[in-house]
Amino acid sequence: MKNLYFLFCGFLFVSCANMETDAEKVCQLLNETKDMLPKMMKVAMQSAFGNEAAEKELSELENRSAKMLNDIENISLKYKEEEFQNYLLNNCAVAEEFKEFGDAMEALESAIDDLNLE
């Protein structure tokens, strides 16, 4: 029985360590995404005015962003969504920033929808 207890405790430790490592990786990817957004917006504006070099750079940035988001999704799928999200929000400042931004965008969208209904 004692061996089962130690095995269970070891499993919990490894599981928590894996979540911590994965959360650090996701946090790093979120930081890279945050740092990339201003550049993407600038290049998108240049691309909209027909700048071919900007179009190529925008495509590269979009591909890089898509890969990072795919990596985040693959890591997140290993865990219960709410548990991993709460861990991230408590341990990754940029995750909280993205959540606040998402909440603000939802509120804005809701306000616009309300205006359209009137």
PDB file of N, CA and C in Angstrom:
ATOM      1  N   MET A   1       0.827  -1.190   0.000  1.00  0.00           N
ATOM      2  CA  MET A   1       0.000   0.000   0.000  1.00  0.00           C
ATOM      3  C   MET A   1       0.867   1.248   0.000  1.00  0.00           C
ATOM      4  N   LYS A   2       1.966   1.165   0.764  1.00  0.00           N
ATOM      5  CA  LYS A   2       2.883   2.305   0.833  1.00  0.00           C
ATOM      6  C   LYS A   2       3.494   2.579  -0.529  1.00  0.00           C
ATOM      7  N   ASN A   3       3.795   1.518  -1.273  1.00  0.00           N
ATOM      8  CA  ASN A   3       4.364   1.680  -2.614  1.00  0.00           C
ATOM      9  C   ASN A   3       3.378   2.371  -3.559  1.00  0.00           C
ATOM     10  N   LEU A   4       2.097   2.024  -3.451  1.00  0.00           N
ATOM     11  CA  LEU A   4       1.087   2.676  -4.284  1.00  0.00           C
ATOM     12  C   LEU A   4       0.997   4.160  -3.958  1.00  0.00           C
ATOM     13  N   TYR A   5       1.099   4.504  -2.691  1.00  0.00           N
ATOM     14  CA  TYR A   5       1.050   5.906  -2.283  1.00  0.00           C
ATOM     15  C   TYR A   5       2.213   6.673  -2.910  1.00  0.00           C
ATOM     16  N   PHE A   6       3.428   6.109  -2.820  1.00  0.00           N
ATOM     17  CA  PHE A   6       4.588   6.791  -3.385  1.00  0.00           C
ATOM     18  C   PHE A   6       4.502   6.864  -4.911  1.00  0.00           C
ATOM     19  N   LEU A   7       3.970   5.836  -5.530  1.00  0.00           N
ATOM     20  CA  LEU A   7       3.786   5.843  -6.978  1.00  0.00           C
ATOM     21  C   LEU A   7       2.795   6.937  -7.374  1.00  0.00           C
ATOM     22  N   PHE A   8       1.692   7.037  -6.641  1.00  0.00           N
ATOM     23  CA  PHE A   8       0.690   8.058  -6.911  1.00  0.00           C
ATOM     24  C   PHE A   8       1.277   9.458  -6.708  1.00  0.00           C
ATOM     25  N   CYS A   9       2.024   9.663  -5.626  1.00  0.00           N
ATOM     26  CA  CYS A   9       2.653  10.965  -5.367  1.00  0.00           C
ATOM     27  C   CYS A   9       3.660  11.303  -6.469  1.00  0.00           C
ATOM     28  N   GLY A  10       4.396  10.313  -6.902  1.00  0.00           N
ATOM     29  CA  GLY A  10       5.350  10.521  -7.997  1.00  0.00           C
ATOM     30  C   GLY A  10       4.644  10.905  -9.276  1.00  0.00           C
ATOM     31  N   PHE A  11       3.527  10.264  -9.578  1.00  0.00           N
ATOM     32  CA  PHE A  11       2.745  10.592 -10.760  1.00  0.00           C
ATOM     33  C   PHE A  11       2.251  12.033 -10.689  1.00  0.00           C
ATOM     34  N   LEU A  12       1.727  12.425  -9.529  1.00  0.00           N
ATOM     35  CA  LEU A  12       1.247  13.804  -9.372  1.00  0.00           C
ATOM     36  C   LEU A  12       2.369  14.809  -9.568  1.00  0.00           C
ATOM     37  N   PHE A  13       3.551  14.510  -9.026  1.00  0.00           N
ATOM     38  CA  PHE A  13       4.689  15.419  -9.175  1.00  0.00           C
ATOM     39  C   PHE A  13       5.088  15.546 -10.635  1.00  0.00           C
ATOM     40  N   VAL A  14       5.187  14.431 -11.333  1.00  0.00           N
ATOM     41  CA  VAL A  14       5.562  14.451 -12.744  1.00  0.00           C
ATOM     42  C   VAL A  14       4.495  15.174 -13.555  1.00  0.00           C
ATOM     43  N   SER A  15       3.230  14.915 -13.255  1.00  0.00           N
ATOM     44  CA  SER A  15       2.137  15.572 -13.970  1.00  0.00           C
ATOM     45  C   SER A  15       2.196  17.083 -13.773  1.00  0.00           C
ATOM     46  N   CYS A  16       2.423  17.531 -12.549  1.00  0.00           N
ATOM     47  CA  CYS A  16       2.514  18.962 -12.277  1.00  0.00           C
ATOM     48  C   CYS A  16       3.745  19.567 -12.946  1.00  0.00           C
ATOM     49  N   ALA A  17       4.847  18.826 -12.920  1.00  0.00           N
ATOM     50  CA  ALA A  17       6.070  19.326 -13.555  1.00  0.00           C
ATOM     51  C   ALA A  17       5.870  19.459 -15.058  1.00  0.00           C
ATOM     52  N   ASN A  18       5.176  18.482 -15.653  1.00  0.00           N
ATOM     53  CA  ASN A  18       4.906  18.564 -17.086  1.00  0.00           C
ATOM     54  C   ASN A  18       4.015  19.753 -17.400  1.00  0.00           C
ATOM     55  N   MET A  19       2.990  19.977 -16.582  1.00  0.00           N
ATOM     56  CA  MET A  19       2.104  21.113 -16.817  1.00  0.00           C
ATOM     57  C   MET A  19       2.892  22.411 -16.675  1.00  0.00           C
ATOM     58  N   GLU A  20       3.759  22.479 -15.686  1.00  0.00           N
ATOM     59  CA  GLU A  20       4.556  23.687 -15.492  1.00  0.00           C
ATOM     60  C   GLU A  20       5.447  23.943 -16.704  1.00  0.00           C
ATOM     61  N   THR A  21       6.102  22.913 -17.190  1.00  0.00           N
ATOM     62  CA  THR A  21       6.972  23.039 -18.362  1.00  0.00           C
ATOM     63  C   THR A  21       6.168  23.436 -19.592  1.00  0.00           C
ATOM     64  N   ASP A  22       5.022  22.776 -19.786  1.00  0.00           N
ATOM     65  CA  ASP A  22       4.176  23.098 -20.933  1.00  0.00           C
ATOM     66  C   ASP A  22       3.626  24.517 -20.827  1.00  0.00           C
ATOM     67  N   ALA A  23       3.248  24.925 -19.627  1.00  0.00           N
ATOM     68  CA  ALA A  23       2.723  26.289 -19.439  1.00  0.00           C
ATOM     69  C   ALA A  23       3.811  27.322 -19.722  1.00  0.00           C
ATOM     70  N   GLU A  24       5.039  27.036 -19.332  1.00  0.00           N
ATOM     71  CA  GLU A  24       6.152  27.948 -19.633  1.00  0.00           C
ATOM     72  C   GLU A  24       6.340  28.074 -21.142  1.00  0.00           C
ATOM     73  N   LYS A  25       6.223  26.956 -21.854  1.00  0.00           N
ATOM     74  CA  LYS A  25       6.361  26.969 -23.314  1.00  0.00           C
ATOM     75  C   LYS A  25       5.222  27.774 -23.939  1.00  0.00           C
ATOM     76  N   VAL A  26       3.994  27.561 -23.474  1.00  0.00           N
ATOM     77  CA  VAL A  26       2.852  28.308 -23.999  1.00  0.00           C
ATOM     78  C   VAL A  26       3.020  29.795 -23.695  1.00  0.00           C
ATOM     79  N   CYS A  27       3.472  30.108 -22.496  1.00  0.00           N
ATOM     80  CA  CYS A  27       3.684  31.506 -22.121  1.00  0.00           C
ATOM     81  C   CYS A  27       4.728  32.152 -23.039  1.00  0.00           C
ATOM     82  N   GLN A  28       5.789  31.415 -23.332  1.00  0.00           N
ATOM     83  CA  GLN A  28       6.820  31.911 -24.243  1.00  0.00           C
ATOM     84  C   GLN A  28       6.226  32.167 -25.633  1.00  0.00           C
ATOM     85  N   LEU A  29       5.417  31.239 -26.116  1.00  0.00           N
ATOM     86  CA  LEU A  29       4.783  31.395 -27.430  1.00  0.00           C
ATOM     87  C   LEU A  29       3.805  32.572 -27.438  1.00  0.00           C
ATOM     88  N   LEU A  30       3.076  32.752 -26.344  1.00  0.00           N
ATOM     89  CA  LEU A  30       2.163  33.888 -26.249  1.00  0.00           C
ATOM     90  C   LEU A  30       2.928  35.209 -26.252  1.00  0.00           C
ATOM     91  N   ASN A  31       4.067  35.230 -25.566  1.00  0.00           N
ATOM     92  CA  ASN A  31       4.903  36.437 -25.576  1.00  0.00           C
ATOM     93  C   ASN A  31       5.422  36.738 -26.973  1.00  0.00           C
ATOM     94  N   GLU A  32       5.846  35.702 -27.692  1.00  0.00           N
ATOM     95  CA  GLU A  32       6.321  35.894 -29.062  1.00  0.00           C
ATOM     96  C   GLU A  32       5.190  36.414 -29.940  1.00  0.00           C
ATOM     97  N   THR A  33       3.984  35.875 -29.735  1.00  0.00           N
ATOM     98  CA  THR A  33       2.827  36.327 -30.505  1.00  0.00           C
ATOM     99  C   THR A  33       2.542  37.799 -30.211  1.00  0.00           C
ATOM    100  N   LYS A  34       2.555  38.159 -28.938  1.00  0.00           N
ATOM    101  CA  LYS A  34       2.308  39.547 -28.545  1.00  0.00           C
ATOM    102  C   LYS A  34       3.342  40.472 -29.181  1.00  0.00           C
ATOM    103  N   ASP A  35       4.604  40.063 -29.168  1.00  0.00           N
ATOM    104  CA  ASP A  35       5.670  40.882 -29.752  1.00  0.00           C
ATOM    105  C   ASP A  35       5.532  41.006 -31.264  1.00  0.00           C
ATOM    106  N   MET A  36       4.952  39.993 -31.893  1.00  0.00           N
ATOM    107  CA  MET A  36       4.820  39.961 -33.347  1.00  0.00           C
ATOM    108  C   MET A  36       3.643  40.790 -33.865  1.00  0.00           C
ATOM    109  N   LEU A  37       2.636  41.004 -33.025  1.00  0.00           N
ATOM    110  CA  LEU A  37       1.408  41.668 -33.481  1.00  0.00           C
ATOM    111  C   LEU A  37       1.636  43.069 -34.055  1.00  0.00           C
ATOM    112  N   PRO A  38       2.399  43.949 -33.411  1.00  0.00           N
ATOM    113  CA  PRO A  38       2.606  45.273 -34.016  1.00  0.00           C
ATOM    114  C   PRO A  38       3.268  45.206 -35.390  1.00  0.00           C
ATOM    115  N   LYS A  39       4.232  44.298 -35.521  1.00  0.00           N
ATOM    116  CA  LYS A  39       4.912  44.118 -36.809  1.00  0.00           C
ATOM    117  C   LYS A  39       3.925  43.629 -37.862  1.00  0.00           C
ATOM    118  N   MET A  40       3.064  42.688 -37.486  1.00  0.00           N
ATOM    119  CA  MET A  40       2.074  42.169 -38.427  1.00  0.00           C
ATOM    120  C   MET A  40       1.120  43.270 -38.875  1.00  0.00           C
ATOM    121  N   MET A  41       0.705  44.116 -37.948  1.00  0.00           N
ATOM    122  CA  MET A  41      -0.213  45.200 -38.306  1.00  0.00           C
ATOM    123  C   MET A  41       0.459  46.186 -39.264  1.00  0.00           C
ATOM    124  N   LYS A  42       1.704  46.505 -38.984  1.00  0.00           N
ATOM    125  CA  LYS A  42       2.451  47.442 -39.844  1.00  0.00           C
ATOM    126  C   LYS A  42       2.616  46.860 -41.245  1.00  0.00           C
ATOM    127  N   VAL A  43       3.038  45.626 -41.303  1.00  0.00           N
ATOM    128  CA  VAL A  43       3.274  44.977 -42.597  1.00  0.00           C
ATOM    129  C   VAL A  43       1.956  44.779 -43.347  1.00  0.00           C
ATOM    130  N   ALA A  44       0.866  44.497 -42.621  1.00  0.00           N
ATOM    131  CA  ALA A  44      -0.436  44.337 -43.264  1.00  0.00           C
ATOM    132  C   ALA A  44      -0.880  45.646 -43.918  1.00  0.00           C
ATOM    133  N   MET A  45      -0.619  46.760 -43.244  1.00  0.00           N
ATOM    134  CA  MET A  45      -0.969  48.064 -43.829  1.00  0.00           C
ATOM    135  C   MET A  45      -0.154  48.308 -45.106  1.00  0.00           C
ATOM    136  N   GLN A  46       1.140  48.009 -45.060  1.00  0.00           N
ATOM    137  CA  GLN A  46       1.991  48.193 -46.228  1.00  0.00           C
ATOM    138  C   GLN A  46       1.543  47.274 -47.362  1.00  0.00           C
ATOM    139  N   SER A  47       1.199  46.055 -46.998  1.00  0.00           N
ATOM    140  CA  SER A  47       0.743  45.077 -47.984  1.00  0.00           C
ATOM    141  C   SER A  47      -0.558  45.524 -48.643  1.00  0.00           C
ATOM    142  N   ALA A  48      -1.440  46.138 -47.867  1.00  0.00           N
ATOM    143  CA  ALA A  48      -2.722  46.603 -48.391  1.00  0.00           C
ATOM    144  C   ALA A  48      -2.541  47.657 -49.477  1.00  0.00           C
ATOM    145  N   PHE A  49      -1.398  48.344 -49.452  1.00  0.00           N
ATOM    146  CA  PHE A  49      -1.123  49.373 -50.460  1.00  0.00           C
ATOM    147  C   PHE A  49      -0.235  48.851 -51.583  1.00  0.00           C
ATOM    148  N   GLY A  50      -0.149  47.516 -51.695  1.00  0.00           N
ATOM    149  CA  GLY A  50       0.523  46.914 -52.832  1.00  0.00           C
ATOM    150  C   GLY A  50       2.015  46.698 -52.696  1.00  0.00           C
ATOM    151  N   ASN A  51       2.578  46.859 -51.514  1.00  0.00           N
ATOM    152  CA  ASN A  51       3.998  46.626 -51.302  1.00  0.00           C
ATOM    153  C   ASN A  51       4.259  45.118 -51.340  1.00  0.00           C
ATOM    154  N   GLU A  52       4.937  44.661 -52.406  1.00  0.00           N
ATOM    155  CA  GLU A  52       5.155  43.227 -52.596  1.00  0.00           C
ATOM    156  C   GLU A  52       6.067  42.618 -51.541  1.00  0.00           C
ATOM    157  N   ALA A  53       7.086  43.358 -51.128  1.00  0.00           N
ATOM    158  CA  ALA A  53       7.978  42.857 -50.075  1.00  0.00           C
ATOM    159  C   ALA A  53       7.201  42.678 -48.772  1.00  0.00           C
ATOM    160  N   ALA A  54       6.308  43.622 -48.503  1.00  0.00           N
ATOM    161  CA  ALA A  54       5.484  43.532 -47.300  1.00  0.00           C
ATOM    162  C   ALA A  54       4.525  42.344 -47.385  1.00  0.00           C
ATOM    163  N   GLU A  55       4.003  42.084 -48.579  1.00  0.00           N
ATOM    164  CA  GLU A  55       3.116  40.936 -48.766  1.00  0.00           C
ATOM    165  C   GLU A  55       3.835  39.635 -48.426  1.00  0.00           C
ATOM    166  N   LYS A  56       5.072  39.519 -48.898  1.00  0.00           N
ATOM    167  CA  LYS A  56       5.865  38.315 -48.621  1.00  0.00           C
ATOM    168  C   LYS A  56       6.149  38.209 -47.121  1.00  0.00           C
ATOM    169  N   GLU A  57       6.540  39.315 -46.513  1.00  0.00           N
ATOM    170  CA  GLU A  57       6.841  39.305 -45.081  1.00  0.00           C
ATOM    171  C   GLU A  57       5.586  38.984 -44.273  1.00  0.00           C
ATOM    172  N   LEU A  58       4.455  39.528 -44.685  1.00  0.00           N
ATOM    173  CA  LEU A  58       3.198  39.253 -43.992  1.00  0.00           C
ATOM    174  C   LEU A  58       2.860  37.768 -44.071  1.00  0.00           C
ATOM    175  N   SER A  59       3.060  37.190 -45.224  1.00  0.00           N
ATOM    176  CA  SER A  59       2.803  35.763 -45.392  1.00  0.00           C
ATOM    177  C   SER A  59       3.689  34.938 -44.457  1.00  0.00           C
ATOM    178  N   GLU A  60       4.963  35.308 -44.360  1.00  0.00           N
ATOM    179  CA  GLU A  60       5.885  34.606 -43.465  1.00  0.00           C
ATOM    180  C   GLU A  60       5.459  34.764 -42.002  1.00  0.00           C
ATOM    181  N   LEU A  61       5.054  35.973 -41.621  1.00  0.00           N
ATOM    182  CA  LEU A  61       4.603  36.216 -40.250  1.00  0.00           C
ATOM    183  C   LEU A  61       3.328  35.436 -39.944  1.00  0.00           C
ATOM    184  N   GLU A  62       2.411  35.388 -40.912  1.00  0.00           N
ATOM    185  CA  GLU A  62       1.169  34.639 -40.710  1.00  0.00           C
ATOM    186  C   GLU A  62       1.448  33.146 -40.562  1.00  0.00           C
ATOM    187  N   ASN A  63       2.378  32.623 -41.367  1.00  0.00           N
ATOM    188  CA  ASN A  63       2.745  31.204 -41.249  1.00  0.00           C
ATOM    189  C   ASN A  63       3.374  30.914 -39.898  1.00  0.00           C
ATOM    190  N   ARG A  64       4.250  31.795 -39.459  1.00  0.00           N
ATOM    191  CA  ARG A  64       4.904  31.628 -38.158  1.00  0.00           C
ATOM    192  C   ARG A  64       3.866  31.701 -37.032  1.00  0.00           C
ATOM    193  N   SER A  65       2.954  32.639 -37.137  1.00  0.00           N
ATOM    194  CA  SER A  65       1.901  32.789 -36.138  1.00  0.00           C
ATOM    195  C   SER A  65       1.002  31.548 -36.098  1.00  0.00           C
ATOM    196  N   ALA A  66       0.638  31.045 -37.261  1.00  0.00           N
ATOM    197  CA  ALA A  66      -0.207  29.849 -37.337  1.00  0.00           C
ATOM    198  C   ALA A  66       0.491  28.649 -36.703  1.00  0.00           C
ATOM    199  N   LYS A  67       1.793  28.512 -36.931  1.00  0.00           N
ATOM    200  CA  LYS A  67       2.545  27.410 -36.317  1.00  0.00           C
ATOM    201  C   LYS A  67       2.572  27.554 -34.799  1.00  0.00           C
ATOM    202  N   MET A  68       2.788  28.771 -34.315  1.00  0.00           N
ATOM    203  CA  MET A  68       2.822  28.985 -32.869  1.00  0.00           C
ATOM    204  C   MET A  68       1.456  28.670 -32.256  1.00  0.00           C
ATOM    205  N   LEU A  69       0.380  29.107 -32.905  1.00  0.00           N
ATOM    206  CA  LEU A  69      -0.959  28.820 -32.392  1.00  0.00           C
ATOM    207  C   LEU A  69      -1.250  27.321 -32.417  1.00  0.00           C
ATOM    208  N   ASN A  70      -0.777  26.640 -33.435  1.00  0.00           N
ATOM    209  CA  ASN A  70      -0.930  25.193 -33.515  1.00  0.00           C
ATOM    210  C   ASN A  70      -0.171  24.519 -32.378  1.00  0.00           C
ATOM    211  N   ASP A  71       1.050  24.989 -32.100  1.00  0.00           N
ATOM    212  CA  ASP A  71       1.838  24.438 -30.995  1.00  0.00           C
ATOM    213  C   ASP A  71       1.120  24.648 -29.666  1.00  0.00           C
ATOM    214  N   ILE A  72       0.556  25.839 -29.471  1.00  0.00           N
ATOM    215  CA  ILE A  72      -0.184  26.135 -28.240  1.00  0.00           C
ATOM    216  C   ILE A  72      -1.378  25.202 -28.103  1.00  0.00           C
ATOM    217  N   GLU A  73      -2.111  25.020 -29.199  1.00  0.00           N
ATOM    218  CA  GLU A  73      -3.280  24.142 -29.167  1.00  0.00           C
ATOM    219  C   GLU A  73      -2.885  22.705 -28.844  1.00  0.00           C
ATOM    220  N   ASN A  74      -1.803  22.205 -29.460  1.00  0.00           N
ATOM    221  CA  ASN A  74      -1.364  20.836 -29.204  1.00  0.00           C
ATOM    222  C   ASN A  74      -0.957  20.642 -27.747  1.00  0.00           C
ATOM    223  N   ILE A  75      -0.300  21.631 -27.170  1.00  0.00           N
ATOM    224  CA  ILE A  75       0.082  21.535 -25.755  1.00  0.00           C
ATOM    225  C   ILE A  75      -1.174  21.573 -24.887  1.00  0.00           C
ATOM    226  N   SER A  76      -2.079  22.477 -25.186  1.00  0.00           N
ATOM    227  CA  SER A  76      -3.289  22.645 -24.379  1.00  0.00           C
ATOM    228  C   SER A  76      -4.161  21.396 -24.374  1.00  0.00           C
ATOM    229  N   LEU A  77      -4.166  20.661 -25.472  1.00  0.00           N
ATOM    230  CA  LEU A  77      -5.002  19.461 -25.574  1.00  0.00           C
ATOM    231  C   LEU A  77      -4.585  18.357 -24.605  1.00  0.00           C
ATOM    232  N   LYS A  78      -3.391  18.446 -24.048  1.00  0.00           N
ATOM    233  CA  LYS A  78      -2.917  17.432 -23.100  1.00  0.00           C
ATOM    234  C   LYS A  78      -3.629  17.517 -21.751  1.00  0.00           C
ATOM    235  N   TYR A  79      -4.282  18.647 -21.482  1.00  0.00           N
ATOM    236  CA  TYR A  79      -4.817  18.917 -20.149  1.00  0.00           C
ATOM    237  C   TYR A  79      -6.291  19.259 -20.225  1.00  0.00           C
ATOM    238  N   LYS A  80      -6.933  19.188 -19.061  1.00  0.00           N
ATOM    239  CA  LYS A  80      -8.311  19.672 -18.965  1.00  0.00           C
ATOM    240  C   LYS A  80      -8.273  21.171 -19.211  1.00  0.00           C
ATOM    241  N   GLU A  81      -9.166  21.640 -20.090  1.00  0.00           N
ATOM    242  CA  GLU A  81      -9.109  23.024 -20.557  1.00  0.00           C
ATOM    243  C   GLU A  81      -9.119  24.028 -19.403  1.00  0.00           C
ATOM    244  N   GLU A  82     -10.066  23.878 -18.501  1.00  0.00           N
ATOM    245  CA  GLU A  82     -10.203  24.846 -17.406  1.00  0.00           C
ATOM    246  C   GLU A  82      -8.984  24.824 -16.481  1.00  0.00           C
ATOM    247  N   GLU A  83      -8.481  23.634 -16.193  1.00  0.00           N
ATOM    248  CA  GLU A  83      -7.325  23.504 -15.304  1.00  0.00           C
ATOM    249  C   GLU A  83      -6.087  24.168 -15.913  1.00  0.00           C
ATOM    250  N   PHE A  84      -5.842  23.914 -17.187  1.00  0.00           N
ATOM    251  CA  PHE A  84      -4.658  24.480 -17.840  1.00  0.00           C
ATOM    252  C   PHE A  84      -4.809  25.993 -18.000  1.00  0.00           C
ATOM    253  N   GLN A  85      -6.006  26.436 -18.352  1.00  0.00           N
ATOM    254  CA  GLN A  85      -6.250  27.865 -18.518  1.00  0.00           C
ATOM    255  C   GLN A  85      -6.046  28.596 -17.190  1.00  0.00           C
ATOM    256  N   ASN A  86      -6.563  28.034 -16.102  1.00  0.00           N
ATOM    257  CA  ASN A  86      -6.378  28.659 -14.793  1.00  0.00           C
ATOM    258  C   ASN A  86      -4.903  28.699 -14.406  1.00  0.00           C
ATOM    259  N   TYR A  87      -4.179  27.617 -14.704  1.00  0.00           N
ATOM    260  CA  TYR A  87      -2.751  27.591 -14.386  1.00  0.00           C
ATOM    261  C   TYR A  87      -2.024  28.690 -15.166  1.00  0.00           C
ATOM    262  N   LEU A  88      -2.358  28.815 -16.441  1.00  0.00           N
ATOM    263  CA  LEU A  88      -1.732  29.852 -17.267  1.00  0.00           C
ATOM    264  C   LEU A  88      -2.053  31.251 -16.747  1.00  0.00           C
ATOM    265  N   LEU A  89      -3.325  31.485 -16.444  1.00  0.00           N
ATOM    266  CA  LEU A  89      -3.732  32.813 -15.987  1.00  0.00           C
ATOM    267  C   LEU A  89      -3.046  33.196 -14.676  1.00  0.00           C
ATOM    268  N   ASN A  90      -2.753  32.210 -13.845  1.00  0.00           N
ATOM    269  CA  ASN A  90      -2.095  32.478 -12.570  1.00  0.00           C
ATOM    270  C   ASN A  90      -0.582  32.556 -12.683  1.00  0.00           C
ATOM    271  N   ASN A  91      -0.010  32.082 -13.793  1.00  0.00           N
ATOM    272  CA  ASN A  91       1.443  31.983 -13.892  1.00  0.00           C
ATOM    273  C   ASN A  91       2.045  32.647 -15.124  1.00  0.00           C
ATOM    274  N   CYS A  92       1.213  33.288 -15.936  1.00  0.00           N
ATOM    275  CA  CYS A  92       1.702  33.889 -17.177  1.00  0.00           C
ATOM    276  C   CYS A  92       0.990  35.218 -17.397  1.00  0.00           C
ATOM    277  N   ALA A  93       1.713  36.307 -17.196  1.00  0.00           N
ATOM    278  CA  ALA A  93       1.111  37.639 -17.292  1.00  0.00           C
ATOM    279  C   ALA A  93       0.503  37.897 -18.668  1.00  0.00           C
ATOM    280  N   VAL A  94       1.165  37.459 -19.716  1.00  0.00           N
ATOM    281  CA  VAL A  94       0.659  37.731 -21.067  1.00  0.00           C
ATOM    282  C   VAL A  94      -0.638  36.954 -21.333  1.00  0.00           C
ATOM    283  N   ALA A  95      -0.822  35.810 -20.695  1.00  0.00           N
ATOM    284  CA  ALA A  95      -2.075  35.067 -20.841  1.00  0.00           C
ATOM    285  C   ALA A  95      -3.223  35.897 -20.277  1.00  0.00           C
ATOM    286  N   GLU A  96      -2.985  36.542 -19.142  1.00  0.00           N
ATOM    287  CA  GLU A  96      -3.998  37.419 -18.553  1.00  0.00           C
ATOM    288  C   GLU A  96      -4.286  38.605 -19.474  1.00  0.00           C
ATOM    289  N   GLU A  97      -3.242  39.158 -20.098  1.00  0.00           N
ATOM    290  CA  GLU A  97      -3.432  40.279 -21.026  1.00  0.00           C
ATOM    291  C   GLU A  97      -4.295  39.854 -22.219  1.00  0.00           C
ATOM    292  N   PHE A  98      -4.022  38.674 -22.772  1.00  0.00           N
ATOM    293  CA  PHE A  98      -4.817  38.183 -23.899  1.00  0.00           C
ATOM    294  C   PHE A  98      -6.258  37.931 -23.472  1.00  0.00           C
ATOM    295  N   LYS A  99      -6.459  37.414 -22.264  1.00  0.00           N
ATOM    296  CA  LYS A  99      -7.813  37.177 -21.767  1.00  0.00           C
ATOM    297  C   LYS A  99      -8.557  38.502 -21.629  1.00  0.00           C
ATOM    298  N   GLU A 100      -7.913  39.495 -21.048  1.00  0.00           N
ATOM    299  CA  GLU A 100      -8.548  40.808 -20.898  1.00  0.00           C
ATOM    300  C   GLU A 100      -8.876  41.411 -22.265  1.00  0.00           C
ATOM    301  N   PHE A 101      -7.970  41.262 -23.219  1.00  0.00           N
ATOM    302  CA  PHE A 101      -8.208  41.765 -24.567  1.00  0.00           C
ATOM    303  C   PHE A 101      -9.404  41.044 -25.193  1.00  0.00           C
ATOM    304  N   GLY A 102      -9.442  39.733 -25.050  1.00  0.00           N
ATOM    305  CA  GLY A 102     -10.550  38.947 -25.590  1.00  0.00           C
ATOM    306  C   GLY A 102     -11.876  39.340 -24.959  1.00  0.00           C
ATOM    307  N   ASP A 103     -11.859  39.544 -23.640  1.00  0.00           N
ATOM    308  CA  ASP A 103     -13.077  39.975 -22.954  1.00  0.00           C
ATOM    309  C   ASP A 103     -13.534  41.338 -23.460  1.00  0.00           C
ATOM    310  N   ALA A 104     -12.588  42.249 -23.658  1.00  0.00           N
ATOM    311  CA  ALA A 104     -12.922  43.586 -24.153  1.00  0.00           C
ATOM    312  C   ALA A 104     -13.498  43.511 -25.572  1.00  0.00           C
ATOM    313  N   MET A 105     -12.918  42.661 -26.406  1.00  0.00           N
ATOM    314  CA  MET A 105     -13.418  42.508 -27.782  1.00  0.00           C
ATOM    315  C   MET A 105     -14.829  41.917 -27.785  1.00  0.00           C
ATOM    316  N   GLU A 106     -15.090  40.954 -26.894  1.00  0.00           N
ATOM    317  CA  GLU A 106     -16.434  40.387 -26.803  1.00  0.00           C
ATOM    318  C   GLU A 106     -17.446  41.442 -26.355  1.00  0.00           C
ATOM    319  N   ALA A 107     -17.055  42.267 -25.395  1.00  0.00           N
ATOM    320  CA  ALA A 107     -17.943  43.333 -24.915  1.00  0.00           C
ATOM    321  C   ALA A 107     -18.227  44.335 -26.035  1.00  0.00           C
ATOM    322  N   LEU A 108     -17.184  44.662 -26.798  1.00  0.00           N
ATOM    323  CA  LEU A 108     -17.354  45.585 -27.917  1.00  0.00           C
ATOM    324  C   LEU A 108     -18.279  44.987 -28.971  1.00  0.00           C
ATOM    325  N   GLU A 109     -18.070  43.739 -29.301  1.00  0.00           N
ATOM    326  CA  GLU A 109     -18.913  43.063 -30.285  1.00  0.00           C
ATOM    327  C   GLU A 109     -20.366  43.021 -29.813  1.00  0.00           C
ATOM    328  N   SER A 110     -20.560  42.751 -28.535  1.00  0.00           N
ATOM    329  CA  SER A 110     -21.909  42.718 -27.974  1.00  0.00           C
ATOM    330  C   SER A 110     -22.565  44.096 -28.056  1.00  0.00           C
ATOM    331  N   ALA A 111     -21.797  45.149 -27.752  1.00  0.00           N
ATOM    332  CA  ALA A 111     -22.332  46.508 -27.817  1.00  0.00           C
ATOM    333  C   ALA A 111     -22.717  46.879 -29.246  1.00  0.00           C
ATOM    334  N   ILE A 112     -21.881  46.473 -30.205  1.00  0.00           N
ATOM    335  CA  ILE A 112     -22.190  46.736 -31.613  1.00  0.00           C
ATOM    336  C   ILE A 112     -23.447  45.980 -32.030  1.00  0.00           C
ATOM    337  N   ASP A 113     -23.562  44.730 -31.616  1.00  0.00           N
ATOM    338  CA  ASP A 113     -24.759  43.941 -31.922  1.00  0.00           C
ATOM    339  C   ASP A 113     -26.004  44.593 -31.333  1.00  0.00           C
ATOM    340  N   ASP A 114     -25.877  45.098 -30.102  1.00  0.00           N
ATOM    341  CA  ASP A 114     -27.015  45.764 -29.459  1.00  0.00           C
ATOM    342  C   ASP A 114     -27.421  47.010 -30.252  1.00  0.00           C
ATOM    343  N   LEU A 115     -26.455  47.748 -30.756  1.00  0.00           N
ATOM    344  CA  LEU A 115     -26.759  48.947 -31.558  1.00  0.00           C
ATOM    345  C   LEU A 115     -27.460  48.567 -32.859  1.00  0.00           C
ATOM    346  N   ASN A 116     -27.043  47.474 -33.439  1.00  0.00           N
ATOM    347  CA  ASN A 116     -27.634  47.026 -34.704  1.00  0.00           C
ATOM    348  C   ASN A 116     -29.070  46.535 -34.530  1.00  0.00           C
ATOM    349  N   LEU A 117     -29.397  46.052 -33.355  1.00  0.00           N
ATOM    350  CA  LEU A 117     -30.743  45.547 -33.093  1.00  0.00           C
ATOM    351  C   LEU A 117     -31.742  46.670 -32.884  1.00  0.00           C
ATOM    352  N   GLU A 118     -31.263  47.826 -32.479  1.00  0.00           N
ATOM    353  CA  GLU A 118     -32.169  48.947 -32.184  1.00  0.00           C
ATOM    354  C   GLU A 118     -32.611  49.654 -33.412  1.00  0.00           C
TER     355      GLU A 118
END
